[in-house]
Amino acid sequence: LLFVSNSGALCSFSFIVLMISYIVI
């Protein structure tokens, strides 16, 4: 759970932020 909240969350959150930013762009 700690690994998922660290690596998994980093990947998922970053990907969502990137996709939202490029949609806005």
PDB file of all heavy atoms in Angstrom:
ATOM      1  N   LEU A   1       0.832  -1.206   0.000  1.00  0.00           N
ATOM      2  CA  LEU A   1       0.000   0.000   0.000  1.00  0.00           C
ATOM      3  C   LEU A   1       0.866   1.255   0.000  1.00  0.00           C
ATOM      4  O   LEU A   1       0.558   2.242  -0.683  1.00  0.00           O
ATOM      5  CB  LEU A   1      -0.918   0.002   1.214  1.00  0.00           C
ATOM      6  CG  LEU A   1      -2.112  -0.952   1.184  1.00  0.00           C
ATOM      7  CD1 LEU A   1      -2.928  -0.815   2.471  1.00  0.00           C
ATOM      8  CD2 LEU A   1      -3.005  -0.678  -0.024  1.00  0.00           C
ATOM      9  N   LEU A   2       1.959   1.214   0.746  1.00  0.00           N
ATOM     10  CA  LEU A   2       2.869   2.351   0.789  1.00  0.00           C
ATOM     11  C   LEU A   2       3.568   2.545  -0.558  1.00  0.00           C
ATOM     12  O   LEU A   2       3.763   3.674  -1.020  1.00  0.00           O
ATOM     13  CB  LEU A   2       3.903   2.158   1.904  1.00  0.00           C
ATOM     14  CG  LEU A   2       3.352   2.166   3.326  1.00  0.00           C
ATOM     15  CD1 LEU A   2       4.452   1.816   4.330  1.00  0.00           C
ATOM     16  CD2 LEU A   2       2.746   3.520   3.661  1.00  0.00           C
ATOM     17  N   PHE A   3       3.942   1.430  -1.206  1.00  0.00           N
ATOM     18  CA  PHE A   3       4.548   1.517  -2.532  1.00  0.00           C
ATOM     19  C   PHE A   3       3.571   2.113  -3.544  1.00  0.00           C
ATOM     20  O   PHE A   3       3.938   2.966  -4.362  1.00  0.00           O
ATOM     21  CB  PHE A   3       4.999   0.137  -3.006  1.00  0.00           C
ATOM     22  CG  PHE A   3       6.287  -0.325  -2.384  1.00  0.00           C
ATOM     23  CD1 PHE A   3       6.517  -1.676  -2.143  1.00  0.00           C
ATOM     24  CD2 PHE A   3       7.280   0.564  -2.045  1.00  0.00           C
ATOM     25  CE1 PHE A   3       7.699  -2.113  -1.577  1.00  0.00           C
ATOM     26  CE2 PHE A   3       8.473   0.145  -1.474  1.00  0.00           C
ATOM     27  CZ  PHE A   3       8.674  -1.201  -1.236  1.00  0.00           C
ATOM     28  N   VAL A   4       2.324   1.632  -3.488  1.00  0.00           N
ATOM     29  CA  VAL A   4       1.304   2.132  -4.411  1.00  0.00           C
ATOM     30  C   VAL A   4       1.040   3.617  -4.169  1.00  0.00           C
ATOM     31  O   VAL A   4       0.912   4.405  -5.117  1.00  0.00           O
ATOM     32  CB  VAL A   4       0.000   1.318  -4.279  1.00  0.00           C
ATOM     33  CG1 VAL A   4      -1.137   1.989  -5.050  1.00  0.00           C
ATOM     34  CG2 VAL A   4       0.201  -0.104  -4.783  1.00  0.00           C
ATOM     35  N   SER A   5       0.971   4.012  -2.880  1.00  0.00           N
ATOM     36  CA  SER A   5       0.724   5.415  -2.567  1.00  0.00           C
ATOM     37  C   SER A   5       1.909   6.294  -2.932  1.00  0.00           C
ATOM     38  O   SER A   5       1.762   7.509  -3.076  1.00  0.00           O
ATOM     39  CB  SER A   5       0.411   5.570  -1.074  1.00  0.00           C
ATOM     40  OG  SER A   5       1.529   5.204  -0.285  1.00  0.00           O
ATOM     41  N   ASN A   6       3.087   5.689  -3.108  1.00  0.00           N
ATOM     42  CA  ASN A   6       4.280   6.441  -3.476  1.00  0.00           C
ATOM     43  C   ASN A   6       4.471   6.419  -4.993  1.00  0.00           C
ATOM     44  O   ASN A   6       4.201   7.392  -5.690  1.00  0.00           O
ATOM     45  CB  ASN A   6       5.504   5.854  -2.769  1.00  0.00           C
ATOM     46  CG  ASN A   6       6.723   6.742  -2.868  1.00  0.00           C
ATOM     47  OD1 ASN A   6       6.743   7.726  -3.608  1.00  0.00           O
ATOM     48  ND2 ASN A   6       7.765   6.405  -2.151  1.00  0.00           N
ATOM     49  N   SER A   7       4.890   5.274  -5.522  1.00  0.00           N
ATOM     50  CA  SER A   7       5.154   5.171  -6.962  1.00  0.00           C
ATOM     51  C   SER A   7       3.870   5.231  -7.788  1.00  0.00           C
ATOM     52  O   SER A   7       3.791   5.941  -8.796  1.00  0.00           O
ATOM     53  CB  SER A   7       5.893   3.857  -7.253  1.00  0.00           C
ATOM     54  OG  SER A   7       7.166   3.852  -6.672  1.00  0.00           O
ATOM     55  N   GLY A   8       2.859   4.465  -7.364  1.00  0.00           N
ATOM     56  CA  GLY A   8       1.610   4.429  -8.128  1.00  0.00           C
ATOM     57  C   GLY A   8       0.934   5.779  -8.178  1.00  0.00           C
ATOM     58  O   GLY A   8       0.485   6.227  -9.245  1.00  0.00           O
ATOM     59  N   ALA A   9       0.867   6.453  -7.020  1.00  0.00           N
ATOM     60  CA  ALA A   9       0.226   7.767  -6.987  1.00  0.00           C
ATOM     61  C   ALA A   9       1.018   8.793  -7.777  1.00  0.00           C
ATOM     62  O   ALA A   9       0.442   9.654  -8.459  1.00  0.00           O
ATOM     63  CB  ALA A   9       0.067   8.219  -5.530  1.00  0.00           C
ATOM     64  N   LEU A  10       2.359   8.709  -7.704  1.00  0.00           N
ATOM     65  CA  LEU A  10       3.201   9.636  -8.460  1.00  0.00           C
ATOM     66  C   LEU A  10       2.934   9.510  -9.959  1.00  0.00           C
ATOM     67  O   LEU A  10       2.754  10.516 -10.654  1.00  0.00           O
ATOM     68  CB  LEU A  10       4.680   9.361  -8.163  1.00  0.00           C
ATOM     69  CG  LEU A  10       5.701  10.201  -8.940  1.00  0.00           C
ATOM     70  CD1 LEU A  10       5.571  11.668  -8.577  1.00  0.00           C
ATOM     71  CD2 LEU A  10       7.125   9.709  -8.665  1.00  0.00           C
ATOM     72  N   CYS A  11       2.876   8.266 -10.449  1.00  0.00           N
ATOM     73  CA  CYS A  11       2.627   8.041 -11.876  1.00  0.00           C
ATOM     74  C   CYS A  11       1.222   8.494 -12.272  1.00  0.00           C
ATOM     75  O   CYS A  11       1.048   9.237 -13.253  1.00  0.00           O
ATOM     76  CB  CYS A  11       2.800   6.560 -12.216  1.00  0.00           C
ATOM     77  SG  CYS A  11       4.491   5.947 -12.097  1.00  0.00           S
ATOM     78  N   SER A  12       0.219   8.065 -11.513  1.00  0.00           N
ATOM     79  CA  SER A  12      -1.173   8.345 -11.875  1.00  0.00           C
ATOM     80  C   SER A  12      -1.481   9.833 -11.788  1.00  0.00           C
ATOM     81  O   SER A  12      -2.062  10.418 -12.724  1.00  0.00           O
ATOM     82  CB  SER A  12      -2.119   7.562 -10.958  1.00  0.00           C
ATOM     83  OG  SER A  12      -1.884   6.183 -11.048  1.00  0.00           O
ATOM     84  N   PHE A  13      -1.106  10.462 -10.672  1.00  0.00           N
ATOM     85  CA  PHE A  13      -1.395  11.884 -10.493  1.00  0.00           C
ATOM     86  C   PHE A  13      -0.670  12.726 -11.541  1.00  0.00           C
ATOM     87  O   PHE A  13      -1.252  13.653 -12.121  1.00  0.00           O
ATOM     88  CB  PHE A  13      -0.984  12.317  -9.084  1.00  0.00           C
ATOM     89  CG  PHE A  13      -1.208  13.775  -8.808  1.00  0.00           C
ATOM     90  CD1 PHE A  13      -2.491  14.264  -8.600  1.00  0.00           C
ATOM     91  CD2 PHE A  13      -0.139  14.664  -8.774  1.00  0.00           C
ATOM     92  CE1 PHE A  13      -2.699  15.630  -8.359  1.00  0.00           C
ATOM     93  CE2 PHE A  13      -0.340  16.011  -8.534  1.00  0.00           C
ATOM     94  CZ  PHE A  13      -1.623  16.497  -8.324  1.00  0.00           C
ATOM     95  N   SER A  14       0.586  12.397 -11.799  1.00  0.00           N
ATOM     96  CA  SER A  14       1.367  13.160 -12.784  1.00  0.00           C
ATOM     97  C   SER A  14       0.766  13.027 -14.178  1.00  0.00           C
ATOM     98  O   SER A  14       0.688  14.014 -14.926  1.00  0.00           O
ATOM     99  CB  SER A  14       2.821  12.677 -12.789  1.00  0.00           C
ATOM    100  OG  SER A  14       3.418  12.843 -11.533  1.00  0.00           O
ATOM    101  N   PHE A  15       0.331  11.814 -14.524  1.00  0.00           N
ATOM    102  CA  PHE A  15      -0.260  11.600 -15.848  1.00  0.00           C
ATOM    103  C   PHE A  15      -1.559  12.396 -15.996  1.00  0.00           C
ATOM    104  O   PHE A  15      -1.800  13.013 -17.044  1.00  0.00           O
ATOM    105  CB  PHE A  15      -0.522  10.113 -16.066  1.00  0.00           C
ATOM    106  CG  PHE A  15      -1.073   9.787 -17.427  1.00  0.00           C
ATOM    107  CD1 PHE A  15      -0.290   9.938 -18.558  1.00  0.00           C
ATOM    108  CD2 PHE A  15      -2.371   9.333 -17.572  1.00  0.00           C
ATOM    109  CE1 PHE A  15      -0.787   9.644 -19.816  1.00  0.00           C
ATOM    110  CE2 PHE A  15      -2.877   9.032 -18.824  1.00  0.00           C
ATOM    111  CZ  PHE A  15      -2.084   9.185 -19.951  1.00  0.00           C
ATOM    112  N   ILE A  16      -2.391  12.403 -14.955  1.00  0.00           N
ATOM    113  CA  ILE A  16      -3.649  13.155 -15.008  1.00  0.00           C
ATOM    114  C   ILE A  16      -3.366  14.649 -15.157  1.00  0.00           C
ATOM    115  O   ILE A  16      -3.996  15.339 -15.966  1.00  0.00           O
ATOM    116  CB  ILE A  16      -4.486  12.885 -13.737  1.00  0.00           C
ATOM    117  CG1 ILE A  16      -4.980  11.431 -13.738  1.00  0.00           C
ATOM    118  CG2 ILE A  16      -5.669  13.835 -13.654  1.00  0.00           C
ATOM    119  CD1 ILE A  16      -5.634  11.004 -12.440  1.00  0.00           C
ATOM    120  N   VAL A  17      -2.408  15.159 -14.379  1.00  0.00           N
ATOM    121  CA  VAL A  17      -2.051  16.576 -14.464  1.00  0.00           C
ATOM    122  C   VAL A  17      -1.551  16.931 -15.859  1.00  0.00           C
ATOM    123  O   VAL A  17      -1.936  17.956 -16.444  1.00  0.00           O
ATOM    124  CB  VAL A  17      -0.978  16.928 -13.405  1.00  0.00           C
ATOM    125  CG1 VAL A  17      -0.405  18.318 -13.652  1.00  0.00           C
ATOM    126  CG2 VAL A  17      -1.567  16.846 -12.006  1.00  0.00           C
ATOM    127  N   LEU A  18      -0.706  16.063 -16.420  1.00  0.00           N
ATOM    128  CA  LEU A  18      -0.170  16.314 -17.764  1.00  0.00           C
ATOM    129  C   LEU A  18      -1.283  16.337 -18.810  1.00  0.00           C
ATOM    130  O   LEU A  18      -1.326  17.231 -19.669  1.00  0.00           O
ATOM    131  CB  LEU A  18       0.858  15.237 -18.126  1.00  0.00           C
ATOM    132  CG  LEU A  18       2.236  15.370 -17.490  1.00  0.00           C
ATOM    133  CD1 LEU A  18       3.076  14.138 -17.797  1.00  0.00           C
ATOM    134  CD2 LEU A  18       2.945  16.617 -17.985  1.00  0.00           C
ATOM    135  N   MET A  19      -2.179  15.362 -18.750  1.00  0.00           N
ATOM    136  CA  MET A  19      -3.250  15.298 -19.747  1.00  0.00           C
ATOM    137  C   MET A  19      -4.182  16.499 -19.632  1.00  0.00           C
ATOM    138  O   MET A  19      -4.610  17.074 -20.652  1.00  0.00           O
ATOM    139  CB  MET A  19      -4.033  13.995 -19.579  1.00  0.00           C
ATOM    140  CG  MET A  19      -3.257  12.743 -19.994  1.00  0.00           C
ATOM    141  SD  MET A  19      -2.715  12.751 -21.735  1.00  0.00           S
ATOM    142  CE  MET A  19      -0.987  13.219 -21.544  1.00  0.00           C
ATOM    143  N   ILE A  20      -4.503  16.915 -18.399  1.00  0.00           N
ATOM    144  CA  ILE A  20      -5.362  18.091 -18.218  1.00  0.00           C
ATOM    145  C   ILE A  20      -4.680  19.334 -18.776  1.00  0.00           C
ATOM    146  O   ILE A  20      -5.305  20.152 -19.469  1.00  0.00           O
ATOM    147  CB  ILE A  20      -5.701  18.287 -16.724  1.00  0.00           C
ATOM    148  CG1 ILE A  20      -6.622  17.163 -16.238  1.00  0.00           C
ATOM    149  CG2 ILE A  20      -6.364  19.646 -16.489  1.00  0.00           C
ATOM    150  CD1 ILE A  20      -6.917  17.208 -14.754  1.00  0.00           C
ATOM    151  N   SER A  21      -3.380  19.469 -18.500  1.00  0.00           N
ATOM    152  CA  SER A  21      -2.658  20.655 -18.976  1.00  0.00           C
ATOM    153  C   SER A  21      -2.627  20.697 -20.497  1.00  0.00           C
ATOM    154  O   SER A  21      -2.812  21.773 -21.092  1.00  0.00           O
ATOM    155  CB  SER A  21      -1.237  20.671 -18.412  1.00  0.00           C
ATOM    156  OG  SER A  21      -0.475  19.587 -18.905  1.00  0.00           O
ATOM    157  N   TYR A  22      -2.428  19.554 -21.140  1.00  0.00           N
ATOM    158  CA  TYR A  22      -2.378  19.561 -22.605  1.00  0.00           C
ATOM    159  C   TYR A  22      -3.757  19.740 -23.224  1.00  0.00           C
ATOM    160  O   TYR A  22      -3.880  20.306 -24.318  1.00  0.00           O
ATOM    161  CB  TYR A  22      -1.717  18.281 -23.117  1.00  0.00           C
ATOM    162  CG  TYR A  22      -0.205  18.324 -22.965  1.00  0.00           C
ATOM    163  CD1 TYR A  22       0.479  17.392 -22.186  1.00  0.00           C
ATOM    164  CD2 TYR A  22       0.539  19.313 -23.592  1.00  0.00           C
ATOM    165  CE1 TYR A  22       1.859  17.455 -22.034  1.00  0.00           C
ATOM    166  CE2 TYR A  22       1.910  19.383 -23.451  1.00  0.00           C
ATOM    167  CZ  TYR A  22       2.565  18.448 -22.665  1.00  0.00           C
ATOM    168  OH  TYR A  22       3.931  18.519 -22.522  1.00  0.00           O
ATOM    169  N   ILE A  23      -4.804  19.294 -22.548  1.00  0.00           N
ATOM    170  CA  ILE A  23      -6.164  19.554 -23.031  1.00  0.00           C
ATOM    171  C   ILE A  23      -6.438  21.054 -23.002  1.00  0.00           C
ATOM    172  O   ILE A  23      -6.985  21.626 -23.954  1.00  0.00           O
ATOM    173  CB  ILE A  23      -7.196  18.791 -22.176  1.00  0.00           C
ATOM    174  CG1 ILE A  23      -7.119  17.287 -22.468  1.00  0.00           C
ATOM    175  CG2 ILE A  23      -8.619  19.299 -22.463  1.00  0.00           C
ATOM    176  CD1 ILE A  23      -7.968  16.446 -21.543  1.00  0.00           C
ATOM    177  N   VAL A  24      -6.032  21.710 -21.902  1.00  0.00           N
ATOM    178  CA  VAL A  24      -6.200  23.163 -21.796  1.00  0.00           C
ATOM    179  C   VAL A  24      -5.393  23.867 -22.875  1.00  0.00           C
ATOM    180  O   VAL A  24      -5.881  24.815 -23.529  1.00  0.00           O
ATOM    181  CB  VAL A  24      -5.763  23.647 -20.400  1.00  0.00           C
ATOM    182  CG1 VAL A  24      -5.768  25.176 -20.340  1.00  0.00           C
ATOM    183  CG2 VAL A  24      -6.668  23.075 -19.321  1.00  0.00           C
ATOM    184  N   ILE A  25      -4.174  23.401 -23.107  1.00  0.00           N
ATOM    185  CA  ILE A  25      -3.322  24.009 -24.135  1.00  0.00           C
ATOM    186  C   ILE A  25      -3.944  23.858 -25.518  1.00  0.00           C
ATOM    187  O   ILE A  25      -4.018  24.824 -26.296  1.00  0.00           O
ATOM    188  CB  ILE A  25      -1.916  23.375 -24.107  1.00  0.00           C
ATOM    189  CG1 ILE A  25      -1.161  23.776 -22.841  1.00  0.00           C
ATOM    190  CG2 ILE A  25      -1.113  23.793 -25.344  1.00  0.00           C
ATOM    191  CD1 ILE A  25       0.150  23.039 -22.644  1.00  0.00           C
TER     192      ILE A  25
END
